[in-house]
Amino acid sequence: MTTFESGYTLPCRRHFTTMMENKYETSVEKLKNKLKMATSKISLSTDAWTSLVTEAYLGVTSHFIDDSWDLVSFNLTTLPVEERHTAENIASWLENVAEKFDISFENVLAIVHDNARNIVAALRILEERFGVVSHRCAGHTLQLVVNHAMVNPVINKALSATRCLVKHIKKSEPATTKLKLKQKQMGTVEHKLIQDVAVRWNSSYYMIERLLEQRWPVVATLSDPEITQRGKHYLDLKNDLWILLEELEEVLKLYEQATVFLSDSEGEDGNEENMDQEDGDGDMVLSMDLATHGHTLKNI
């Protein structure tokens, strides 16, 4: 920097930290004013989750209908939590978030949450204290139904075999290259296989759907002795498993459609456009909340 502009003094780290914290506080005030101006009651949705590096967070989002009858949603917090996720603690964290944004539980229509025992118990506490209504997430309940069905030994065996096959091809560069070649030769759309993830809704359905789409290029790839050694011919699924996967796809498609429908919100998309027009205040609350709370927790 000295070479390009010798007279320029580079601001210190504290300068930028102060700028970000000020922007955060300004954004919070703007968001509080938006919530105060809401003419409808406010609903909240909340969920606790753990990152890949085992850091725990509590997310809270507000929702209301504006004067144009559009659904408006704002992320209020992505709060790092270091204490145990007991019902009493969760209830306390939700109270703190509501207090921070001047939200009275008397003006809260309902709080939507998943089926975890601790969050259900936490909402019972808030119901006893403030009379707030809570509803379990219909999408999460549908997913529990699907997960329960997946425990069936026959289905579980088919899914395990599918995962092994997909993993083998995705982890092998020669197999991936050979699959692309077979796709071109057979005139099949050149899609990659999808590996399901336990915490991703509908991911098993997407894995099955993609594998069925790529069935014949995959079979041709696995039949190549350069790709599949003698000891790994078990990766090629038997015909009865392919039939079962076709039946599973047909059933799971209905749950996928229902889950996508329940999860869709045109209001959120419209809200993002509004945020862009207003200097991204809501986005700033979302992105800065983690840093601000993390800084606060470290200094307690």
Protein backbone atom coordinates (compact mmCIF):
# COMPACT_ATOMS: atom_id res chain seq x y z
CA MET A 1 0.00 0.00 0.00
CA THR A 2 2.91 2.35 0.76
CA THR A 3 4.20 1.79 -2.77
CA PHE A 4 0.89 2.76 -4.40
CA GLU A 5 -0.06 5.60 -2.05
CA SER A 6 2.54 6.64 0.51
CA GLY A 7 0.21 9.17 2.14
CA TYR A 8 -2.58 6.67 2.84
CA THR A 9 -2.93 5.35 6.38
CA LEU A 10 -4.54 1.91 6.47
CA PRO A 11 -7.33 1.79 9.08
CA CYS A 12 -6.77 -0.56 11.97
CA ARG A 13 -8.79 -3.70 12.65
CA ARG A 14 -10.79 -1.93 15.34
CA HIS A 15 -11.95 0.66 12.81
CA PHE A 16 -13.66 -1.96 10.64
CA THR A 17 -15.02 -3.81 13.67
CA THR A 18 -16.64 -0.59 14.90
CA MET A 19 -18.10 0.10 11.44
CA MET A 20 -19.65 -3.38 11.30
CA GLU A 21 -21.04 -3.17 14.82
CA ASN A 22 -22.57 0.25 14.11
CA LYS A 23 -24.10 -1.05 10.89
CA TYR A 24 -25.51 -4.00 12.80
CA GLU A 25 -27.09 -1.82 15.46
CA THR A 26 -28.57 0.47 12.79
CA SER A 27 -29.99 -2.52 10.95
CA VAL A 28 -31.50 -3.91 14.13
CA GLU A 29 -33.27 -0.60 14.80
CA LYS A 30 -34.64 -0.50 11.25
CA LEU A 31 -35.88 -4.07 11.61
CA LYS A 32 -37.52 -3.29 14.94
CA ASN A 33 -39.36 -0.41 13.29
CA LYS A 34 -40.55 -2.69 10.47
CA LEU A 35 -41.91 -5.14 13.03
CA LYS A 36 -43.66 -2.34 14.92
CA MET A 37 -45.30 -1.17 11.71
CA ALA A 38 -46.72 -4.63 10.98
CA THR A 39 -50.51 -4.45 11.08
CA SER A 40 -50.94 -8.22 11.36
CA LYS A 41 -49.84 -10.45 14.19
CA ILE A 42 -46.31 -11.85 14.03
CA SER A 43 -45.44 -15.52 13.85
CA LEU A 44 -42.06 -16.93 14.77
CA SER A 45 -40.22 -20.04 13.62
CA THR A 46 -37.25 -21.45 15.48
CA ASP A 47 -34.79 -24.30 15.26
CA ALA A 48 -31.62 -25.37 17.04
CA TRP A 49 -28.86 -27.01 15.03
CA THR A 50 -25.20 -28.01 15.24
CA SER A 51 -22.56 -27.19 12.62
CA LEU A 52 -20.03 -29.64 11.17
CA VAL A 53 -17.50 -28.41 13.74
CA THR A 54 -20.01 -29.11 16.56
CA GLU A 55 -20.88 -25.46 17.22
CA ALA A 56 -24.49 -25.06 18.33
CA TYR A 57 -26.83 -22.31 17.15
CA LEU A 58 -30.42 -21.22 17.66
CA GLY A 59 -32.17 -19.59 14.72
CA VAL A 60 -35.30 -17.44 15.04
CA THR A 61 -37.24 -15.97 12.10
CA SER A 62 -40.24 -13.63 12.17
CA HIS A 63 -43.13 -13.74 9.69
CA PHE A 64 -46.10 -11.46 9.10
CA ILE A 65 -48.52 -10.38 6.37
CA ASP A 66 -48.00 -6.83 5.11
CA ASP A 67 -50.65 -4.41 3.82
CA SER A 68 -50.29 -5.88 0.31
CA TRP A 69 -51.10 -9.34 1.65
CA ASP A 70 -47.57 -10.56 1.01
CA LEU A 71 -45.74 -12.80 3.44
CA VAL A 72 -42.71 -10.98 4.87
CA SER A 73 -39.99 -12.84 6.74
CA PHE A 74 -36.97 -11.55 8.66
CA ASN A 75 -34.19 -13.52 10.28
CA LEU A 76 -33.93 -12.19 13.83
CA THR A 77 -30.97 -14.16 15.09
CA THR A 78 -28.55 -16.98 14.47
CA LEU A 79 -27.43 -17.21 18.06
CA PRO A 80 -24.37 -19.25 19.11
CA VAL A 81 -25.30 -21.18 22.26
CA GLU A 82 -22.73 -22.73 24.55
CA GLU A 83 -25.04 -23.88 27.32
CA ARG A 84 -27.03 -27.10 27.35
CA HIS A 85 -30.11 -27.19 25.12
CA THR A 86 -32.52 -27.67 27.99
CA ALA A 87 -36.14 -26.62 27.67
CA GLU A 88 -35.65 -23.84 30.24
CA ASN A 89 -32.60 -22.48 28.41
CA ILE A 90 -34.32 -22.53 25.03
CA ALA A 91 -37.35 -20.77 26.47
CA SER A 92 -35.05 -18.13 27.97
CA TRP A 93 -33.20 -17.61 24.67
CA LEU A 94 -36.49 -17.12 22.82
CA GLU A 95 -37.64 -14.61 25.44
CA ASN A 96 -34.39 -12.69 25.02
CA VAL A 97 -34.77 -12.55 21.24
CA ALA A 98 -38.36 -11.32 21.53
CA GLU A 99 -37.30 -8.68 24.06
CA LYS A 100 -34.39 -7.52 21.89
CA PHE A 101 -36.73 -6.83 18.96
CA ASP A 102 -39.54 -5.42 21.12
CA ILE A 103 -41.85 -8.31 20.24
CA SER A 104 -44.60 -8.92 22.77
CA PHE A 105 -45.76 -12.52 22.98
CA GLU A 106 -49.28 -11.12 23.15
CA ASN A 107 -48.78 -10.05 19.53
CA VAL A 108 -47.36 -13.43 18.47
CA LEU A 109 -49.88 -15.53 16.60
CA ALA A 110 -47.88 -18.76 16.93
CA ILE A 111 -44.37 -20.20 17.12
CA VAL A 112 -43.50 -23.00 14.68
CA HIS A 113 -40.85 -25.55 15.66
CA ASP A 114 -39.73 -29.10 15.00
CA ASN A 115 -40.54 -32.22 17.01
CA ALA A 116 -37.47 -32.32 19.24
CA ARG A 117 -38.44 -33.00 22.85
CA ASN A 118 -36.49 -30.07 24.29
CA ILE A 119 -37.99 -27.49 21.93
CA VAL A 120 -41.49 -28.90 22.47
CA ALA A 121 -40.97 -28.63 26.24
CA ALA A 122 -39.57 -25.09 25.84
CA LEU A 123 -42.70 -23.95 24.01
CA ARG A 124 -44.86 -25.46 26.74
CA ILE A 125 -43.00 -23.24 29.20
CA LEU A 126 -43.69 -20.16 27.06
CA GLU A 127 -47.32 -21.19 26.72
CA GLU A 128 -47.66 -21.36 30.49
CA ARG A 129 -45.96 -17.99 30.97
CA PHE A 130 -47.44 -15.98 28.11
CA GLY A 131 -50.21 -18.09 26.59
CA VAL A 132 -48.35 -18.22 23.26
CA VAL A 133 -49.54 -20.87 20.79
CA SER A 134 -47.06 -23.29 19.22
CA HIS A 135 -47.31 -25.58 16.20
CA ARG A 136 -45.04 -28.41 15.15
CA CYS A 137 -43.56 -28.07 11.66
CA ALA A 138 -45.64 -30.13 9.21
CA GLY A 139 -42.63 -30.58 6.92
CA HIS A 140 -40.52 -32.00 9.74
CA THR A 141 -43.37 -34.31 10.77
CA LEU A 142 -43.59 -35.62 7.20
CA GLN A 143 -39.86 -36.26 7.25
CA LEU A 144 -40.19 -38.26 10.47
CA VAL A 145 -42.82 -40.41 8.77
CA VAL A 146 -40.43 -41.09 5.88
CA ASN A 147 -37.51 -41.80 8.23
CA HIS A 148 -39.62 -44.27 10.17
CA ALA A 149 -40.48 -46.13 6.96
CA MET A 150 -36.82 -46.22 5.93
CA VAL A 151 -36.03 -48.34 8.99
CA ASN A 152 -37.85 -51.26 7.35
CA PRO A 153 -35.12 -53.93 6.80
CA VAL A 154 -35.92 -54.43 3.11
CA ILE A 155 -35.94 -50.70 2.35
CA ASN A 156 -32.88 -50.07 4.50
CA LYS A 157 -30.97 -52.79 2.65
CA ALA A 158 -31.89 -51.32 -0.73
CA LEU A 159 -30.84 -47.82 0.37
CA SER A 160 -27.55 -49.09 1.80
CA ALA A 161 -26.74 -50.84 -1.48
CA THR A 162 -27.66 -47.67 -3.40
CA ARG A 163 -25.40 -45.52 -1.20
CA CYS A 164 -22.46 -47.91 -1.68
CA LEU A 165 -22.91 -47.84 -5.46
CA VAL A 166 -23.19 -44.06 -5.64
CA LYS A 167 -20.27 -43.55 -3.27
CA HIS A 168 -18.08 -45.94 -5.30
CA ILE A 169 -18.64 -44.02 -8.53
CA LYS A 170 -18.39 -40.55 -6.99
CA LYS A 171 -15.15 -41.41 -5.17
CA SER A 172 -13.51 -43.02 -8.21
CA GLU A 173 -12.13 -40.74 -10.91
CA PRO A 174 -11.93 -43.58 -13.49
CA ALA A 175 -15.54 -44.58 -12.73
CA THR A 176 -16.74 -40.99 -13.04
CA THR A 177 -14.93 -40.57 -16.35
CA LYS A 178 -16.28 -43.87 -17.66
CA LEU A 179 -19.83 -42.89 -16.61
CA LYS A 180 -19.58 -39.67 -18.61
CA LEU A 181 -18.43 -41.67 -21.64
CA LYS A 182 -21.34 -44.12 -21.32
CA GLN A 183 -23.79 -41.23 -20.94
CA LYS A 184 -22.61 -39.75 -24.23
CA GLN A 185 -22.69 -43.12 -26.00
CA MET A 186 -26.23 -43.84 -24.80
CA GLY A 187 -27.54 -40.32 -25.32
CA THR A 188 -28.39 -39.98 -21.63
CA VAL A 189 -28.45 -36.57 -20.00
CA GLU A 190 -25.04 -36.00 -18.37
CA HIS A 191 -26.05 -35.66 -14.75
CA LYS A 192 -23.87 -36.54 -11.78
CA LEU A 193 -25.08 -39.08 -9.23
CA ILE A 194 -26.39 -37.70 -5.94
CA GLN A 195 -25.35 -38.95 -2.50
CA ASP A 196 -28.03 -38.66 0.17
CA VAL A 197 -27.38 -36.94 3.50
CA ALA A 198 -29.16 -37.95 6.69
CA VAL A 199 -30.07 -34.40 7.74
CA ARG A 200 -31.19 -33.27 4.27
CA TRP A 201 -34.90 -33.64 3.65
CA ASN A 202 -35.77 -35.61 0.52
CA SER A 203 -32.11 -36.38 -0.25
CA SER A 204 -32.75 -40.14 -0.39
CA TYR A 205 -35.49 -39.51 -2.93
CA TYR A 206 -33.16 -37.37 -5.06
CA MET A 207 -30.47 -40.06 -4.87
CA ILE A 208 -32.90 -42.76 -6.04
CA GLU A 209 -34.43 -40.57 -8.74
CA ARG A 210 -31.01 -39.71 -10.23
CA LEU A 211 -29.76 -43.30 -10.07
CA LEU A 212 -32.85 -44.58 -11.90
CA GLU A 213 -32.36 -41.89 -14.53
CA GLN A 214 -28.76 -43.04 -15.00
CA ARG A 215 -29.44 -46.76 -14.56
CA TRP A 216 -28.10 -48.06 -17.87
CA PRO A 217 -24.97 -45.87 -18.06
CA VAL A 218 -24.24 -46.90 -14.45
CA VAL A 219 -24.75 -50.61 -15.21
CA ALA A 220 -22.48 -50.32 -18.26
CA THR A 221 -19.86 -48.54 -16.17
CA LEU A 222 -19.89 -51.18 -13.45
CA SER A 223 -19.68 -54.00 -16.01
CA ASP A 224 -16.31 -52.70 -17.19
CA PRO A 225 -13.61 -54.90 -15.55
CA GLU A 226 -11.26 -51.91 -15.47
CA ILE A 227 -13.71 -50.08 -13.22
CA THR A 228 -15.15 -52.85 -11.06
CA GLN A 229 -12.74 -55.50 -9.82
CA ARG A 230 -13.90 -59.06 -9.26
CA GLY A 231 -14.39 -58.59 -5.54
CA LYS A 232 -16.69 -55.58 -6.05
CA HIS A 233 -19.33 -56.97 -8.37
CA TYR A 234 -21.74 -56.77 -5.42
CA LEU A 235 -22.01 -53.05 -6.23
CA ASP A 236 -24.16 -53.85 -9.27
CA LEU A 237 -27.74 -53.95 -8.01
CA LYS A 238 -29.89 -57.01 -8.67
CA ASN A 239 -33.06 -56.63 -10.70
CA ASP A 240 -35.34 -56.96 -7.63
CA LEU A 241 -33.54 -54.01 -6.00
CA TRP A 242 -34.02 -51.89 -9.12
CA ILE A 243 -37.73 -52.71 -9.02
CA LEU A 244 -37.90 -51.77 -5.35
CA LEU A 245 -36.13 -48.46 -6.05
CA GLU A 246 -38.70 -47.68 -8.75
CA GLU A 247 -41.51 -48.30 -6.25
CA LEU A 248 -39.76 -46.21 -3.61
CA GLU A 249 -39.33 -43.33 -6.04
CA GLU A 250 -43.04 -43.36 -6.83
CA VAL A 251 -44.01 -43.23 -3.14
CA LEU A 252 -41.34 -40.79 -1.99
CA LYS A 253 -42.16 -38.38 -4.81
CA LEU A 254 -45.48 -37.58 -3.11
CA TYR A 255 -43.71 -36.72 0.16
CA GLU A 256 -41.11 -34.67 -1.71
CA GLN A 257 -43.80 -32.64 -3.44
CA ALA A 258 -45.63 -32.07 -0.16
CA THR A 259 -42.43 -31.04 1.63
CA VAL A 260 -41.42 -28.63 -1.13
CA PHE A 261 -44.92 -27.13 -1.13
CA LEU A 262 -44.85 -26.64 2.65
CA SER A 263 -41.35 -25.18 2.56
CA ASP A 264 -41.99 -22.78 -0.31
CA SER A 265 -42.55 -19.13 0.48
CA GLU A 266 -42.94 -16.43 -2.14
CA GLY A 267 -42.82 -13.94 0.72
CA GLU A 268 -39.20 -14.76 1.45
CA ASP A 269 -38.18 -14.14 -2.16
CA GLY A 270 -40.04 -10.85 -2.19
CA ASN A 271 -38.47 -9.98 1.12
CA GLU A 272 -34.99 -10.51 -0.30
CA GLU A 273 -35.79 -8.05 -3.07
CA ASN A 274 -36.97 -5.52 -0.50
CA MET A 275 -33.77 -6.01 1.43
CA ASP A 276 -31.65 -5.28 -1.64
CA GLN A 277 -33.54 -2.04 -2.17
CA GLU A 278 -32.95 -0.95 1.40
CA ASP A 279 -29.20 -1.41 1.66
CA GLY A 280 -29.57 -5.01 2.81
CA ASP A 281 -30.50 -4.18 6.40
CA GLY A 282 -32.13 -7.55 7.00
CA ASP A 283 -29.16 -9.34 5.42
CA MET A 284 -26.86 -7.32 7.66
CA VAL A 285 -28.79 -8.48 10.73
CA LEU A 286 -28.46 -12.06 9.52
CA SER A 287 -24.75 -11.88 8.74
CA MET A 288 -23.69 -9.66 11.63
CA ASP A 289 -25.71 -11.35 14.38
CA LEU A 290 -23.36 -14.30 14.53
CA ALA A 291 -20.26 -12.14 14.83
CA THR A 292 -21.80 -9.78 17.39
CA HIS A 293 -23.17 -12.50 19.64
CA GLY A 294 -20.01 -14.54 19.31
CA HIS A 295 -17.96 -11.51 20.38
CA THR A 296 -20.31 -10.90 23.30
CA LEU A 297 -20.18 -14.50 24.51
CA LYS A 298 -16.40 -14.52 24.49
CA ASN A 299 -16.31 -11.45 26.69
CA ILE A 300 -18.81 -12.66 29.31
